[in-house]
């Protein structure tokens, strides 16, 4: 099945976005992305990201929180 991906364009882009995954009692594990321009949230819970330099990433579900730097809420 080939579903169309629906991205939300971030205007303005997020300066950075950090996904926090559980990592035991001390501190969560962090995965960071810079200059995020678009996000697609999938039914599975994964996130697809597009960055200003054209790179793309798939963030796997299971994160416990997301931190980001943006001038305003975008969605």
PDB file of N, CA and C in Angstrom:
ATOM      1  N   UNK A   1       0.841  -1.169   0.000  1.00  0.00           N
ATOM      2  CA  UNK A   1       0.000   0.000   0.000  1.00  0.00           C
ATOM      3  C   UNK A   1       0.892   1.240   0.000  1.00  0.00           C
ATOM      4  N   UNK A   2       0.656   2.159  -0.900  1.00  0.00           N
ATOM      5  CA  UNK A   2       1.471   3.357  -1.033  1.00  0.00           C
ATOM      6  C   UNK A   2       0.631   4.578  -0.682  1.00  0.00           C
ATOM      7  N   UNK A   3       0.688   4.990   0.595  1.00  0.00           N
ATOM      8  CA  UNK A   3      -0.088   6.132   1.056  1.00  0.00           C
ATOM      9  C   UNK A   3       0.652   7.429   0.761  1.00  0.00           C
ATOM     10  N   UNK A   4      -0.114   8.474   0.455  1.00  0.00           N
ATOM     11  CA  UNK A   4       0.482   9.782   0.255  1.00  0.00           C
ATOM     12  C   UNK A   4       0.904  10.348   1.603  1.00  0.00           C
ATOM     13  N   UNK A   5       2.116  10.894   1.645  1.00  0.00           N
ATOM     14  CA  UNK A   5       2.606  11.520   2.872  1.00  0.00           C
ATOM     15  C   UNK A   5       2.096  12.946   2.924  1.00  0.00           C
ATOM     16  N   UNK A   6       1.606  13.357   4.091  1.00  0.00           N
ATOM     17  CA  UNK A   6       1.083  14.714   4.267  1.00  0.00           C
ATOM     18  C   UNK A   6       1.964  15.453   5.262  1.00  0.00           C
ATOM     19  N   UNK A   7       2.816  16.324   4.731  1.00  0.00           N
ATOM     20  CA  UNK A   7       3.736  17.094   5.561  1.00  0.00           C
ATOM     21  C   UNK A   7       3.112  18.415   5.969  1.00  0.00           C
ATOM     22  N   UNK A   8       3.395  18.824   7.192  1.00  0.00           N
ATOM     23  CA  UNK A   8       3.053  20.160   7.677  1.00  0.00           C
ATOM     24  C   UNK A   8       4.310  21.009   7.520  1.00  0.00           C
ATOM     25  N   UNK A   9       4.238  22.035   6.695  1.00  0.00           N
ATOM     26  CA  UNK A   9       5.368  22.947   6.516  1.00  0.00           C
ATOM     27  C   UNK A   9       5.464  23.842   7.733  1.00  0.00           C
ATOM     28  N   UNK A  10       6.654  24.015   8.266  1.00  0.00           N
ATOM     29  CA  UNK A  10       6.876  24.845   9.435  1.00  0.00           C
ATOM     30  C   UNK A  10       7.365  26.216   8.994  1.00  0.00           C
ATOM     31  N   UNK A  11       6.541  27.219   9.252  1.00  0.00           N
ATOM     32  CA  UNK A  11       6.892  28.575   8.836  1.00  0.00           C
ATOM     33  C   UNK A  11       6.652  29.518  10.008  1.00  0.00           C
ATOM     34  N   UNK A  12       7.702  29.915  10.694  1.00  0.00           N
ATOM     35  CA  UNK A  12       9.104  29.704  10.380  1.00  0.00           C
ATOM     36  C   UNK A  12       9.557  28.298  10.792  1.00  0.00           C
ATOM     37  N   UNK A  13      10.678  27.836  10.222  1.00  0.00           N
ATOM     38  CA  UNK A  13      11.215  26.525  10.602  1.00  0.00           C
ATOM     39  C   UNK A  13      11.616  26.486  12.076  1.00  0.00           C
ATOM     40  N   UNK A  14      11.671  25.283  12.615  1.00  0.00           N
ATOM     41  CA  UNK A  14      12.187  25.109  13.973  1.00  0.00           C
ATOM     42  C   UNK A  14      13.709  25.164  13.915  1.00  0.00           C
ATOM     43  N   UNK A  15      14.317  25.900  14.821  1.00  0.00           N
ATOM     44  CA  UNK A  15      15.780  25.976  14.874  1.00  0.00           C
ATOM     45  C   UNK A  15      16.369  24.603  15.180  1.00  0.00           C
ATOM     46  N   UNK A  16      15.731  23.888  16.101  1.00  0.00           N
ATOM     47  CA  UNK A  16      16.117  22.515  16.421  1.00  0.00           C
ATOM     48  C   UNK A  16      14.929  21.782  17.025  1.00  0.00           C
ATOM     49  N   UNK A  17      15.018  20.462  16.985  1.00  0.00           N
ATOM     50  CA  UNK A  17      13.976  19.584  17.535  1.00  0.00           C
ATOM     51  C   UNK A  17      14.694  18.400  18.157  1.00  0.00           C
ATOM     52  N   UNK A  18      14.339  18.069  19.397  1.00  0.00           N
ATOM     53  CA  UNK A  18      14.966  16.962  20.126  1.00  0.00           C
ATOM     54  C   UNK A  18      13.886  15.980  20.554  1.00  0.00           C
ATOM     55  N   UNK A  19      14.047  14.717  20.182  1.00  0.00           N
ATOM     56  CA  UNK A  19      13.169  13.632  20.624  1.00  0.00           C
ATOM     57  C   UNK A  19      13.840  12.949  21.805  1.00  0.00           C
ATOM     58  N   UNK A  20      13.074  12.725  22.872  1.00  0.00           N
ATOM     59  CA  UNK A  20      13.593  12.072  24.075  1.00  0.00           C
ATOM     60  C   UNK A  20      13.010  10.672  24.179  1.00  0.00           C
ATOM     61  N   UNK A  21      13.897   9.685  24.290  1.00  0.00           N
ATOM     62  CA  UNK A  21      13.508   8.281  24.430  1.00  0.00           C
ATOM     63  C   UNK A  21      13.862   7.802  25.832  1.00  0.00           C
ATOM     64  N   UNK A  22      13.064   6.900  26.409  1.00  0.00           N
ATOM     65  CA  UNK A  22      13.384   6.389  27.741  1.00  0.00           C
ATOM     66  C   UNK A  22      14.740   5.690  27.734  1.00  0.00           C
ATOM     67  N   UNK A  23      15.508   5.926  28.796  1.00  0.00           N
ATOM     68  CA  UNK A  23      16.859   5.360  28.867  1.00  0.00           C
ATOM     69  C   UNK A  23      17.210   5.046  30.315  1.00  0.00           C
ATOM     70  N   UNK A  24      16.309   4.423  31.032  1.00  0.00           N
ATOM     71  CA  UNK A  24      16.582   4.096  32.421  1.00  0.00           C
ATOM     72  C   UNK A  24      16.243   5.255  33.353  1.00  0.00           C
ATOM     73  N   UNK A  25      16.571   5.117  34.620  1.00  0.00           N
ATOM     74  CA  UNK A  25      16.138   6.095  35.623  1.00  0.00           C
ATOM     75  C   UNK A  25      16.908   7.410  35.620  1.00  0.00           C
ATOM     76  N   UNK A  26      18.084   7.454  35.034  1.00  0.00           N
ATOM     77  CA  UNK A  26      18.939   8.641  35.151  1.00  0.00           C
ATOM     78  C   UNK A  26      18.576   9.758  34.192  1.00  0.00           C
ATOM     79  N   UNK A  27      18.508   9.461  32.907  1.00  0.00           N
ATOM     80  CA  UNK A  27      18.242  10.508  31.918  1.00  0.00           C
ATOM     81  C   UNK A  27      17.761   9.874  30.620  1.00  0.00           C
ATOM     82  N   UNK A  28      16.898  10.575  29.897  1.00  0.00           N
ATOM     83  CA  UNK A  28      16.463  10.042  28.597  1.00  0.00           C
ATOM     84  C   UNK A  28      17.564  10.166  27.552  1.00  0.00           C
ATOM     85  N   UNK A  29      17.461   9.342  26.531  1.00  0.00           N
ATOM     86  CA  UNK A  29      18.345   9.425  25.365  1.00  0.00           C
ATOM     87  C   UNK A  29      17.768  10.479  24.423  1.00  0.00           C
ATOM     88  N   UNK A  30      18.616  11.351  23.878  1.00  0.00           N
ATOM     89  CA  UNK A  30      18.145  12.433  23.016  1.00  0.00           C
ATOM     90  C   UNK A  30      18.612  12.238  21.577  1.00  0.00           C
ATOM     91  N   UNK A  31      17.716  12.528  20.630  1.00  0.00           N
ATOM     92  CA  UNK A  31      18.039  12.539  19.203  1.00  0.00           C
ATOM     93  C   UNK A  31      17.674  13.934  18.702  1.00  0.00           C
ATOM     94  N   UNK A  32      18.655  14.651  18.147  1.00  0.00           N
ATOM     95  CA  UNK A  32      18.473  16.067  17.794  1.00  0.00           C
ATOM     96  C   UNK A  32      18.553  16.285  16.282  1.00  0.00           C
ATOM     97  N   UNK A  33      17.699  17.194  15.794  1.00  0.00           N
ATOM     98  CA  UNK A  33      17.687  17.595  14.390  1.00  0.00           C
ATOM     99  C   UNK A  33      17.711  19.116  14.326  1.00  0.00           C
ATOM    100  N   UNK A  34      18.427  19.662  13.356  1.00  0.00           N
ATOM    101  CA  UNK A  34      18.581  21.103  13.201  1.00  0.00           C
ATOM    102  C   UNK A  34      17.774  21.602  12.001  1.00  0.00           C
ATOM    103  N   UNK A  35      17.221  22.810  12.114  1.00  0.00           N
ATOM    104  CA  UNK A  35      16.547  23.497  11.004  1.00  0.00           C
ATOM    105  C   UNK A  35      15.459  22.654  10.349  1.00  0.00           C
ATOM    106  N   UNK A  36      14.493  22.233  11.148  1.00  0.00           N
ATOM    107  CA  UNK A  36      13.391  21.391  10.663  1.00  0.00           C
ATOM    108  C   UNK A  36      12.369  22.280   9.952  1.00  0.00           C
ATOM    109  N   UNK A  37      12.093  21.947   8.689  1.00  0.00           N
ATOM    110  CA  UNK A  37      11.189  22.762   7.870  1.00  0.00           C
ATOM    111  C   UNK A  37       9.823  22.118   7.639  1.00  0.00           C
ATOM    112  N   UNK A  38       9.708  20.790   7.834  1.00  0.00           N
ATOM    113  CA  UNK A  38       8.431  20.103   7.613  1.00  0.00           C
ATOM    114  C   UNK A  38       8.387  18.815   8.421  1.00  0.00           C
ATOM    115  N   UNK A  39       7.172  18.457   8.849  1.00  0.00           N
ATOM    116  CA  UNK A  39       6.970  17.242   9.648  1.00  0.00           C
ATOM    117  C   UNK A  39       5.743  16.499   9.126  1.00  0.00           C
ATOM    118  N   UNK A  40       5.864  15.173   9.079  1.00  0.00           N
ATOM    119  CA  UNK A  40       4.742  14.296   8.752  1.00  0.00           C
ATOM    120  C   UNK A  40       4.599  13.303   9.903  1.00  0.00           C
ATOM    121  N   UNK A  41       3.478  13.364  10.623  1.00  0.00           N
ATOM    122  CA  UNK A  41       3.219  12.441  11.722  1.00  0.00           C
ATOM    123  C   UNK A  41       2.400  11.277  11.165  1.00  0.00           C
ATOM    124  N   UNK A  42       2.948  10.072  11.291  1.00  0.00           N
ATOM    125  CA  UNK A  42       2.329   8.889  10.717  1.00  0.00           C
ATOM    126  C   UNK A  42       1.412   8.199  11.726  1.00  0.00           C
ATOM    127  N   UNK A  43       0.423   7.440  11.252  1.00  0.00           N
ATOM    128  CA  UNK A  43      -0.468   6.701  12.158  1.00  0.00           C
ATOM    129  C   UNK A  43       0.291   5.749  13.090  1.00  0.00           C
ATOM    130  N   UNK A  44       1.450   5.278  12.668  1.00  0.00           N
ATOM    131  CA  UNK A  44       2.255   4.365  13.488  1.00  0.00           C
ATOM    132  C   UNK A  44       2.905   5.066  14.671  1.00  0.00           C
ATOM    133  N   UNK A  45       2.919   6.416  14.650  1.00  0.00           N
ATOM    134  CA  UNK A  45       3.600   7.176  15.689  1.00  0.00           C
ATOM    135  C   UNK A  45       4.964   7.665  15.265  1.00  0.00           C
ATOM    136  N   UNK A  46       5.440   7.199  14.111  1.00  0.00           N
ATOM    137  CA  UNK A  46       6.727   7.705  13.627  1.00  0.00           C
ATOM    138  C   UNK A  46       6.539   9.113  13.065  1.00  0.00           C
ATOM    139  N   UNK A  47       7.616   9.858  13.026  1.00  0.00           N
ATOM    140  CA  UNK A  47       7.621  11.206  12.448  1.00  0.00           C
ATOM    141  C   UNK A  47       8.616  11.223  11.301  1.00  0.00           C
ATOM    142  N   UNK A  48       8.236  11.853  10.217  1.00  0.00           N
ATOM    143  CA  UNK A  48       9.174  12.075   9.108  1.00  0.00           C
ATOM    144  C   UNK A  48       9.494  13.556   9.096  1.00  0.00           C
ATOM    145  N   UNK A  49      10.773  13.863   9.007  1.00  0.00           N
ATOM    146  CA  UNK A  49      11.225  15.242   9.066  1.00  0.00           C
ATOM    147  C   UNK A  49      11.952  15.633   7.797  1.00  0.00           C
ATOM    148  N   UNK A  50      11.809  16.885   7.408  1.00  0.00           N
ATOM    149  CA  UNK A  50      12.610  17.472   6.334  1.00  0.00           C
ATOM    150  C   UNK A  50      13.355  18.658   6.928  1.00  0.00           C
ATOM    151  N   UNK A  51      14.654  18.749   6.610  1.00  0.00           N
ATOM    152  CA  UNK A  51      15.484  19.832   7.105  1.00  0.00           C
ATOM    153  C   UNK A  51      15.800  20.825   5.985  1.00  0.00           C
ATOM    154  N   UNK A  52      16.223  22.027   6.371  1.00  0.00           N
ATOM    155  CA  UNK A  52      16.475  23.106   5.416  1.00  0.00           C
ATOM    156  C   UNK A  52      17.527  22.736   4.371  1.00  0.00           C
ATOM    157  N   UNK A  53      18.478  21.876   4.724  1.00  0.00           N
ATOM    158  CA  UNK A  53      19.532  21.509   3.778  1.00  0.00           C
ATOM    159  C   UNK A  53      19.125  20.380   2.837  1.00  0.00           C
ATOM    160  N   UNK A  54      17.853  19.940   2.937  1.00  0.00           N
ATOM    161  CA  UNK A  54      17.349  18.890   2.055  1.00  0.00           C
ATOM    162  C   UNK A  54      17.424  17.494   2.639  1.00  0.00           C
ATOM    163  N   UNK A  55      18.096  17.333   3.781  1.00  0.00           N
ATOM    164  CA  UNK A  55      18.145  15.999   4.382  1.00  0.00           C
ATOM    165  C   UNK A  55      16.787  15.641   4.966  1.00  0.00           C
ATOM    166  N   UNK A  56      16.578  14.343   5.109  1.00  0.00           N
ATOM    167  CA  UNK A  56      15.320  13.818   5.614  1.00  0.00           C
ATOM    168  C   UNK A  56      15.624  12.779   6.685  1.00  0.00           C
ATOM    169  N   UNK A  57      14.698  12.604   7.622  1.00  0.00           N
ATOM    170  CA  UNK A  57      14.879  11.614   8.684  1.00  0.00           C
ATOM    171  C   UNK A  57      13.542  10.992   9.038  1.00  0.00           C
ATOM    172  N   UNK A  58      13.593   9.748   9.456  1.00  0.00           N
ATOM    173  CA  UNK A  58      12.433   9.064  10.015  1.00  0.00           C
ATOM    174  C   UNK A  58      12.730   8.848  11.489  1.00  0.00           C
ATOM    175  N   UNK A  59      11.852   9.362  12.343  1.00  0.00           N
ATOM    176  CA  UNK A  59      12.000   9.222  13.787  1.00  0.00           C
ATOM    177  C   UNK A  59      11.058   8.111  14.234  1.00  0.00           C
ATOM    178  N   UNK A  60      11.615   7.089  14.868  1.00  0.00           N
ATOM    179  CA  UNK A  60      10.820   5.934  15.262  1.00  0.00           C
ATOM    180  C   UNK A  60       9.930   6.242  16.462  1.00  0.00           C
ATOM    181  N   UNK A  61       8.763   5.590  16.548  1.00  0.00           N
ATOM    182  CA  UNK A  61       7.875   5.817  17.694  1.00  0.00           C
ATOM    183  C   UNK A  61       8.528   5.325  18.985  1.00  0.00           C
ATOM    184  N   UNK A  62       7.962   5.736  20.096  1.00  0.00           N
ATOM    185  CA  UNK A  62       8.475   5.312  21.395  1.00  0.00           C
ATOM    186  C   UNK A  62       9.077   6.457  22.186  1.00  0.00           C
ATOM    187  N   UNK A  63       9.158   7.639  21.574  1.00  0.00           N
ATOM    188  CA  UNK A  63       9.701   8.771  22.312  1.00  0.00           C
ATOM    189  C   UNK A  63       8.701   9.205  23.382  1.00  0.00           C
ATOM    190  N   UNK A  64       9.227   9.793  24.461  1.00  0.00           N
ATOM    191  CA  UNK A  64       8.378  10.197  25.582  1.00  0.00           C
ATOM    192  C   UNK A  64       8.073  11.695  25.574  1.00  0.00           C
ATOM    193  N   UNK A  65       8.843  12.455  24.798  1.00  0.00           N
ATOM    194  CA  UNK A  65       8.616  13.897  24.703  1.00  0.00           C
ATOM    195  C   UNK A  65       9.393  14.445  23.511  1.00  0.00           C
ATOM    196  N   UNK A  66       8.999  15.659  23.122  1.00  0.00           N
ATOM    197  CA  UNK A  66       9.705  16.385  22.063  1.00  0.00           C
ATOM    198  C   UNK A  66       9.963  17.792  22.583  1.00  0.00           C
ATOM    199  N   UNK A  67      11.207  18.259  22.461  1.00  0.00           N
ATOM    200  CA  UNK A  67      11.546  19.654  22.765  1.00  0.00           C
ATOM    201  C   UNK A  67      11.924  20.312  21.456  1.00  0.00           C
ATOM    202  N   UNK A  68      11.582  21.596  21.290  1.00  0.00           N
ATOM    203  CA  UNK A  68      11.955  22.282  20.057  1.00  0.00           C
ATOM    204  C   UNK A  68      12.062  23.773  20.295  1.00  0.00           C
ATOM    205  N   UNK A  69      12.809  24.433  19.414  1.00  0.00           N
ATOM    206  CA  UNK A  69      12.966  25.888  19.460  1.00  0.00           C
ATOM    207  C   UNK A  69      12.265  26.470  18.250  1.00  0.00           C
ATOM    208  N   UNK A  70      11.184  27.239  18.517  1.00  0.00           N
ATOM    209  CA  UNK A  70      10.407  27.864  17.447  1.00  0.00           C
ATOM    210  C   UNK A  70       9.837  29.169  17.980  1.00  0.00           C
ATOM    211  N   UNK A  71       9.589  30.103  17.078  1.00  0.00           N
ATOM    212  CA  UNK A  71       9.021  31.379  17.481  1.00  0.00           C
ATOM    213  C   UNK A  71       7.560  31.250  17.916  1.00  0.00           C
ATOM    214  N   UNK A  72       6.854  30.258  17.374  1.00  0.00           N
ATOM    215  CA  UNK A  72       5.436  30.077  17.694  1.00  0.00           C
ATOM    216  C   UNK A  72       5.055  28.614  17.457  1.00  0.00           C
ATOM    217  N   UNK A  73       3.886  28.218  17.984  1.00  0.00           N
ATOM    218  CA  UNK A  73       3.349  26.883  17.690  1.00  0.00           C
ATOM    219  C   UNK A  73       2.949  26.845  16.220  1.00  0.00           C
ATOM    220  N   UNK A  74       3.253  25.729  15.555  1.00  0.00           N
ATOM    221  CA  UNK A  74       2.951  25.639  14.134  1.00  0.00           C
ATOM    222  C   UNK A  74       1.823  24.669  13.821  1.00  0.00           C
ATOM    223  N   UNK A  75       1.616  23.652  14.648  1.00  0.00           N
ATOM    224  CA  UNK A  75       0.505  22.721  14.449  1.00  0.00           C
ATOM    225  C   UNK A  75       0.185  22.015  15.735  1.00  0.00           C
TER     226      UNK A  75
END
